[in-house]
């Protein structure tokens, strides 16, 4: 069994914030794989279904970002899920918008949601880092992450979230680099060799 956790803040006020891209990715996975509607459980919203042959739980903690680990820990304890079978989807300041990286283990890089999960279940989980860009200075970070995505962001965000949902099975199989390649191709499709001008 796998646990996929989308990070964000609950409530309509935060729904379109950059900080909530993890929630958006989780919703797309639930939608794409025809999981049932979320139920209120374990201080979060939980849906359960299958991706391929794998049983998968999708969780959106409703504790606010900096307490996400409490909700994650309740699910992990109840279902006895190993840390390596936890995949956390979250916003990443240090990656440009539209960029994505998968990382397993290691530090939380100051992300409050990851810091809380570290405190409750350790660091051995996988994380899908969804780039939202950095505003340039530290004192502008809070305003940046709690601001809604712009309309122009839909150009990269919609294909990225679609591709994350379509290819999440690759992460379940441990094929992280294949997953990253597929998502990158969807966000910025490779130029066809047919498009090159013939200089001869």
C-alpha atoms as a PDB file:
ATOM      1  CA  UNK A   1       0.000   0.000   0.000  1.00  0.00           C
ATOM      2  CA  UNK A   2       1.153   3.501  -0.866  1.00  0.00           C
ATOM      3  CA  UNK A   3       0.261   6.859   0.643  1.00  0.00           C
ATOM      4  CA  UNK A   4       0.293   9.918  -1.626  1.00  0.00           C
ATOM      5  CA  UNK A   5       0.136  13.173   0.351  1.00  0.00           C
ATOM      6  CA  UNK A   6      -0.694  16.523  -1.221  1.00  0.00           C
ATOM      7  CA  UNK A   7       0.382  19.501   0.886  1.00  0.00           C
ATOM      8  CA  UNK A   8      -1.552  22.755   1.164  1.00  0.00           C
ATOM      9  CA  UNK A   9      -3.755  24.835   3.428  1.00  0.00           C
ATOM     10  CA  UNK A  10      -7.473  24.030   3.834  1.00  0.00           C
ATOM     11  CA  UNK A  11     -10.254  26.440   2.898  1.00  0.00           C
ATOM     12  CA  UNK A  12     -11.411  28.392  -0.144  1.00  0.00           C
ATOM     13  CA  UNK A  13      -9.191  31.364   0.781  1.00  0.00           C
ATOM     14  CA  UNK A  14      -6.061  29.322   0.026  1.00  0.00           C
ATOM     15  CA  UNK A  15      -7.380  27.067  -2.745  1.00  0.00           C
ATOM     16  CA  UNK A  16      -5.515  28.719  -5.667  1.00  0.00           C
ATOM     17  CA  UNK A  17      -2.374  29.700  -3.720  1.00  0.00           C
ATOM     18  CA  UNK A  18       1.064  28.636  -4.978  1.00  0.00           C
ATOM     19  CA  UNK A  19       1.524  26.918  -1.604  1.00  0.00           C
ATOM     20  CA  UNK A  20      -1.411  24.634  -2.503  1.00  0.00           C
ATOM     21  CA  UNK A  21      -0.036  23.053  -5.674  1.00  0.00           C
ATOM     22  CA  UNK A  22       0.359  19.803  -3.699  1.00  0.00           C
ATOM     23  CA  UNK A  23      -3.403  19.749  -3.038  1.00  0.00           C
ATOM     24  CA  UNK A  24      -4.026  20.440  -6.742  1.00  0.00           C
ATOM     25  CA  UNK A  25      -1.796  17.523  -7.777  1.00  0.00           C
ATOM     26  CA  UNK A  26      -3.525  15.195  -5.298  1.00  0.00           C
ATOM     27  CA  UNK A  27      -6.947  16.224  -6.644  1.00  0.00           C
ATOM     28  CA  UNK A  28      -5.823  15.514 -10.202  1.00  0.00           C
ATOM     29  CA  UNK A  29      -4.610  12.011  -9.221  1.00  0.00           C
ATOM     30  CA  UNK A  30      -7.956  11.272  -7.537  1.00  0.00           C
ATOM     31  CA  UNK A  31      -9.854  12.560 -10.568  1.00  0.00           C
ATOM     32  CA  UNK A  32      -7.676  10.888 -13.216  1.00  0.00           C
ATOM     33  CA  UNK A  33      -7.756   7.457 -11.588  1.00  0.00           C
ATOM     34  CA  UNK A  34     -11.486   7.604 -10.696  1.00  0.00           C
ATOM     35  CA  UNK A  35     -10.967   7.379  -6.946  1.00  0.00           C
ATOM     36  CA  UNK A  36     -14.090   7.948  -4.799  1.00  0.00           C
ATOM     37  CA  UNK A  37     -14.753  11.358  -3.216  1.00  0.00           C
ATOM     38  CA  UNK A  38     -12.611  12.330  -0.248  1.00  0.00           C
ATOM     39  CA  UNK A  39     -13.810  11.435   3.239  1.00  0.00           C
ATOM     40  CA  UNK A  40     -12.939  13.387   6.376  1.00  0.00           C
ATOM     41  CA  UNK A  41     -10.552  11.107   8.302  1.00  0.00           C
ATOM     42  CA  UNK A  42      -7.283  11.311  10.228  1.00  0.00           C
ATOM     43  CA  UNK A  43      -7.374  15.149  10.438  1.00  0.00           C
ATOM     44  CA  UNK A  44      -7.458  15.219   6.661  1.00  0.00           C
ATOM     45  CA  UNK A  45      -9.370  14.350   3.516  1.00  0.00           C
ATOM     46  CA  UNK A  46      -8.704  10.785   2.395  1.00  0.00           C
ATOM     47  CA  UNK A  47      -9.518   8.865  -0.776  1.00  0.00           C
ATOM     48  CA  UNK A  48      -8.593   5.271  -1.556  1.00  0.00           C
ATOM     49  CA  UNK A  49      -8.295   3.457  -4.856  1.00  0.00           C
ATOM     50  CA  UNK A  50      -6.026   1.494  -7.147  1.00  0.00           C
ATOM     51  CA  UNK A  51      -3.357   2.588  -9.592  1.00  0.00           C
ATOM     52  CA  UNK A  52      -2.442  -0.427 -11.669  1.00  0.00           C
ATOM     53  CA  UNK A  53      -2.314  -3.258  -9.155  1.00  0.00           C
ATOM     54  CA  UNK A  54      -1.248  -1.022  -6.254  1.00  0.00           C
ATOM     55  CA  UNK A  55      -3.600   0.044  -3.488  1.00  0.00           C
ATOM     56  CA  UNK A  56      -3.135   3.802  -2.994  1.00  0.00           C
ATOM     57  CA  UNK A  57      -4.377   6.260  -0.373  1.00  0.00           C
ATOM     58  CA  UNK A  58      -4.456   9.953  -1.302  1.00  0.00           C
ATOM     59  CA  UNK A  59      -4.399  12.358   1.652  1.00  0.00           C
ATOM     60  CA  UNK A  60      -4.843  16.124   1.930  1.00  0.00           C
ATOM     61  CA  UNK A  61      -4.076  17.098   5.559  1.00  0.00           C
ATOM     62  CA  UNK A  62      -6.559  19.677   6.877  1.00  0.00           C
ATOM     63  CA  UNK A  63      -4.324  20.777   9.754  1.00  0.00           C
ATOM     64  CA  UNK A  64      -2.710  23.701   7.910  1.00  0.00           C
ATOM     65  CA  UNK A  65       0.696  23.280   6.335  1.00  0.00           C
ATOM     66  CA  UNK A  66       2.934  23.493   9.398  1.00  0.00           C
ATOM     67  CA  UNK A  67       1.070  20.657  11.185  1.00  0.00           C
ATOM     68  CA  UNK A  68       0.730  18.318   8.170  1.00  0.00           C
ATOM     69  CA  UNK A  69       2.781  15.613   9.875  1.00  0.00           C
ATOM     70  CA  UNK A  70       0.069  14.979  12.484  1.00  0.00           C
ATOM     71  CA  UNK A  71      -2.411  13.900   9.811  1.00  0.00           C
ATOM     72  CA  UNK A  72       0.202  11.896   7.882  1.00  0.00           C
ATOM     73  CA  UNK A  73       1.289  10.123  11.067  1.00  0.00           C
ATOM     74  CA  UNK A  74      -2.285   9.057  11.893  1.00  0.00           C
ATOM     75  CA  UNK A  75      -2.693   7.439   8.449  1.00  0.00           C
ATOM     76  CA  UNK A  76       0.757   5.823   8.544  1.00  0.00           C
ATOM     77  CA  UNK A  77       0.155   4.405  12.036  1.00  0.00           C
ATOM     78  CA  UNK A  78      -3.329   3.084  11.235  1.00  0.00           C
ATOM     79  CA  UNK A  79      -2.376   1.421   7.932  1.00  0.00           C
ATOM     80  CA  UNK A  80       1.213   0.539   8.934  1.00  0.00           C
ATOM     81  CA  UNK A  81       2.700   2.183   5.842  1.00  0.00           C
ATOM     82  CA  UNK A  82       6.496   2.112   5.451  1.00  0.00           C
ATOM     83  CA  UNK A  83       8.185   5.525   4.975  1.00  0.00           C
ATOM     84  CA  UNK A  84       9.528   4.476   1.546  1.00  0.00           C
ATOM     85  CA  UNK A  85       5.895   3.981   0.417  1.00  0.00           C
ATOM     86  CA  UNK A  86       4.962   7.599   1.212  1.00  0.00           C
ATOM     87  CA  UNK A  87       5.047  10.148  -1.633  1.00  0.00           C
ATOM     88  CA  UNK A  88       4.599  13.812  -0.729  1.00  0.00           C
ATOM     89  CA  UNK A  89       3.607  16.384  -3.370  1.00  0.00           C
ATOM     90  CA  UNK A  90       4.642  19.931  -2.435  1.00  0.00           C
ATOM     91  CA  UNK A  91       5.559  23.393  -3.697  1.00  0.00           C
ATOM     92  CA  UNK A  92       9.265  24.130  -4.168  1.00  0.00           C
ATOM     93  CA  UNK A  93      10.705  27.654  -4.115  1.00  0.00           C
ATOM     94  CA  UNK A  94      14.102  26.572  -5.423  1.00  0.00           C
ATOM     95  CA  UNK A  95      12.732  25.301  -8.739  1.00  0.00           C
ATOM     96  CA  UNK A  96      11.399  27.472 -11.557  1.00  0.00           C
ATOM     97  CA  UNK A  97       7.662  27.292 -12.308  1.00  0.00           C
ATOM     98  CA  UNK A  98       6.931  24.221 -14.405  1.00  0.00           C
ATOM     99  CA  UNK A  99      10.042  22.364 -13.221  1.00  0.00           C
ATOM    100  CA  UNK A 100       9.757  19.220 -11.119  1.00  0.00           C
ATOM    101  CA  UNK A 101      12.158  16.962  -9.226  1.00  0.00           C
ATOM    102  CA  UNK A 102      11.733  13.733  -7.273  1.00  0.00           C
ATOM    103  CA  UNK A 103      13.820  13.317  -4.156  1.00  0.00           C
ATOM    104  CA  UNK A 104      13.956  10.458  -1.669  1.00  0.00           C
ATOM    105  CA  UNK A 105      15.174  11.052   1.865  1.00  0.00           C
ATOM    106  CA  UNK A 106      17.304  13.993   3.000  1.00  0.00           C
ATOM    107  CA  UNK A 107      16.450  17.331   4.579  1.00  0.00           C
ATOM    108  CA  UNK A 108      13.277  19.415   4.474  1.00  0.00           C
ATOM    109  CA  UNK A 109      15.019  22.591   3.155  1.00  0.00           C
ATOM    110  CA  UNK A 110      12.969  24.782   5.497  1.00  0.00           C
ATOM    111  CA  UNK A 111       9.585  23.742   4.044  1.00  0.00           C
ATOM    112  CA  UNK A 112       7.141  23.842   6.957  1.00  0.00           C
ATOM    113  CA  UNK A 113       5.003  20.966   5.714  1.00  0.00           C
ATOM    114  CA  UNK A 114       8.031  18.710   5.208  1.00  0.00           C
ATOM    115  CA  UNK A 115       9.499  19.790   8.544  1.00  0.00           C
ATOM    116  CA  UNK A 116       6.327  18.587  10.265  1.00  0.00           C
ATOM    117  CA  UNK A 117       6.326  15.267   8.367  1.00  0.00           C
ATOM    118  CA  UNK A 118      10.012  14.761   9.237  1.00  0.00           C
ATOM    119  CA  UNK A 119       9.167  15.247  12.916  1.00  0.00           C
ATOM    120  CA  UNK A 120       6.406  12.623  12.842  1.00  0.00           C
ATOM    121  CA  UNK A 121       7.516   9.916  10.385  1.00  0.00           C
ATOM    122  CA  UNK A 122      11.217  10.581   9.706  1.00  0.00           C
ATOM    123  CA  UNK A 123      12.872  11.512   6.412  1.00  0.00           C
ATOM    124  CA  UNK A 124      12.718   8.254   4.430  1.00  0.00           C
ATOM    125  CA  UNK A 125       9.781   9.239   2.230  1.00  0.00           C
ATOM    126  CA  UNK A 126       9.746  10.380  -1.400  1.00  0.00           C
ATOM    127  CA  UNK A 127       8.851  13.928  -2.329  1.00  0.00           C
ATOM    128  CA  UNK A 128       7.727  15.372  -5.639  1.00  0.00           C
ATOM    129  CA  UNK A 129       9.015  18.955  -5.668  1.00  0.00           C
ATOM    130  CA  UNK A 130       6.756  21.136  -7.826  1.00  0.00           C
ATOM    131  CA  UNK A 131       8.539  24.366  -8.743  1.00  0.00           C
ATOM    132  CA  UNK A 132       6.809  27.687  -8.054  1.00  0.00           C
ATOM    133  CA  UNK A 133       9.883  29.931  -8.362  1.00  0.00           C
ATOM    134  CA  UNK A 134      11.477  32.235  -5.788  1.00  0.00           C
ATOM    135  CA  UNK A 135      10.444  35.880  -5.369  1.00  0.00           C
ATOM    136  CA  UNK A 136      14.092  36.937  -5.023  1.00  0.00           C
ATOM    137  CA  UNK A 137      14.342  37.903  -1.369  1.00  0.00           C
ATOM    138  CA  UNK A 138      13.570  35.996   1.815  1.00  0.00           C
ATOM    139  CA  UNK A 139      11.187  38.622   3.214  1.00  0.00           C
ATOM    140  CA  UNK A 140       8.923  38.237   0.173  1.00  0.00           C
ATOM    141  CA  UNK A 141       8.578  34.444   0.405  1.00  0.00           C
ATOM    142  CA  UNK A 142       5.412  34.345   2.546  1.00  0.00           C
ATOM    143  CA  UNK A 143       3.569  36.741   0.256  1.00  0.00           C
ATOM    144  CA  UNK A 144       4.758  34.780  -2.775  1.00  0.00           C
ATOM    145  CA  UNK A 145       3.617  31.331  -1.620  1.00  0.00           C
ATOM    146  CA  UNK A 146       0.271  32.608  -0.280  1.00  0.00           C
ATOM    147  CA  UNK A 147      -0.544  34.417  -3.516  1.00  0.00           C
ATOM    148  CA  UNK A 148      -2.815  32.847  -6.138  1.00  0.00           C
ATOM    149  CA  UNK A 149      -1.359  31.493  -9.350  1.00  0.00           C
ATOM    150  CA  UNK A 150      -1.686  33.924 -12.254  1.00  0.00           C
ATOM    151  CA  UNK A 151      -3.810  33.094 -15.303  1.00  0.00           C
ATOM    152  CA  UNK A 152      -0.639  32.727 -17.386  1.00  0.00           C
ATOM    153  CA  UNK A 153       0.562  29.972 -15.017  1.00  0.00           C
ATOM    154  CA  UNK A 154      -2.169  27.695 -16.376  1.00  0.00           C
ATOM    155  CA  UNK A 155      -0.068  27.235 -19.537  1.00  0.00           C
ATOM    156  CA  UNK A 156       2.473  25.116 -17.683  1.00  0.00           C
ATOM    157  CA  UNK A 157       0.478  24.074 -14.614  1.00  0.00           C
ATOM    158  CA  UNK A 158      -2.388  22.249 -16.358  1.00  0.00           C
ATOM    159  CA  UNK A 159      -0.118  20.002 -18.486  1.00  0.00           C
ATOM    160  CA  UNK A 160       2.184  19.437 -15.506  1.00  0.00           C
ATOM    161  CA  UNK A 161      -0.593  18.337 -13.139  1.00  0.00           C
ATOM    162  CA  UNK A 162      -2.110  16.166 -15.877  1.00  0.00           C
ATOM    163  CA  UNK A 163       1.265  14.499 -16.450  1.00  0.00           C
ATOM    164  CA  UNK A 164       1.891  13.973 -12.724  1.00  0.00           C
ATOM    165  CA  UNK A 165      -1.469  12.195 -12.431  1.00  0.00           C
ATOM    166  CA  UNK A 166      -0.979  10.182 -15.633  1.00  0.00           C
ATOM    167  CA  UNK A 167       2.499   8.962 -14.668  1.00  0.00           C
ATOM    168  CA  UNK A 168       2.326   8.603 -10.877  1.00  0.00           C
ATOM    169  CA  UNK A 169       2.530   4.806 -11.343  1.00  0.00           C
ATOM    170  CA  UNK A 170       6.180   5.246 -12.377  1.00  0.00           C
ATOM    171  CA  UNK A 171       7.031   6.591  -8.911  1.00  0.00           C
ATOM    172  CA  UNK A 172       5.163   3.703  -7.299  1.00  0.00           C
ATOM    173  CA  UNK A 173       7.441   1.414  -9.361  1.00  0.00           C
ATOM    174  CA  UNK A 174      10.553   3.348  -8.246  1.00  0.00           C
ATOM    175  CA  UNK A 175      11.144   4.725 -11.777  1.00  0.00           C
ATOM    176  CA  UNK A 176      11.700   8.307 -10.619  1.00  0.00           C
ATOM    177  CA  UNK A 177      13.818   9.439 -13.580  1.00  0.00           C
ATOM    178  CA  UNK A 178      11.278   8.081 -16.084  1.00  0.00           C
ATOM    179  CA  UNK A 179       8.563   9.981 -14.231  1.00  0.00           C
ATOM    180  CA  UNK A 180      10.538  13.242 -14.331  1.00  0.00           C
ATOM    181  CA  UNK A 181      11.233  12.804 -18.062  1.00  0.00           C
ATOM    182  CA  UNK A 182       7.572  12.167 -18.895  1.00  0.00           C
ATOM    183  CA  UNK A 183       6.399  15.211 -16.943  1.00  0.00           C
ATOM    184  CA  UNK A 184       9.087  17.443 -18.474  1.00  0.00           C
ATOM    185  CA  UNK A 185       8.078  16.331 -21.975  1.00  0.00           C
ATOM    186  CA  UNK A 186       4.421  17.097 -21.254  1.00  0.00           C
ATOM    187  CA  UNK A 187       5.166  20.585 -19.931  1.00  0.00           C
ATOM    188  CA  UNK A 188       7.559  21.441 -22.734  1.00  0.00           C
ATOM    189  CA  UNK A 189       7.142  18.955 -25.597  1.00  0.00           C
ATOM    190  CA  UNK A 190      10.410  18.229 -27.434  1.00  0.00           C
ATOM    191  CA  UNK A 191      10.730  19.942 -30.808  1.00  0.00           C
ATOM    192  CA  UNK A 192      10.059  17.604 -33.673  1.00  0.00           C
ATOM    193  CA  UNK A 193      13.012  17.117 -36.017  1.00  0.00           C
ATOM    194  CA  UNK A 194      10.583  17.855 -38.870  1.00  0.00           C
ATOM    195  CA  UNK A 195      10.401  21.457 -37.734  1.00  0.00           C
ATOM    196  CA  UNK A 196      14.056  22.165 -38.439  1.00  0.00           C
ATOM    197  CA  UNK A 197      14.657  24.405 -41.416  1.00  0.00           C
ATOM    198  CA  UNK A 198      16.434  22.847 -44.334  1.00  0.00           C
ATOM    199  CA  UNK A 199      19.424  25.101 -44.959  1.00  0.00           C
ATOM    200  CA  UNK A 200      20.679  23.258 -48.054  1.00  0.00           C
END
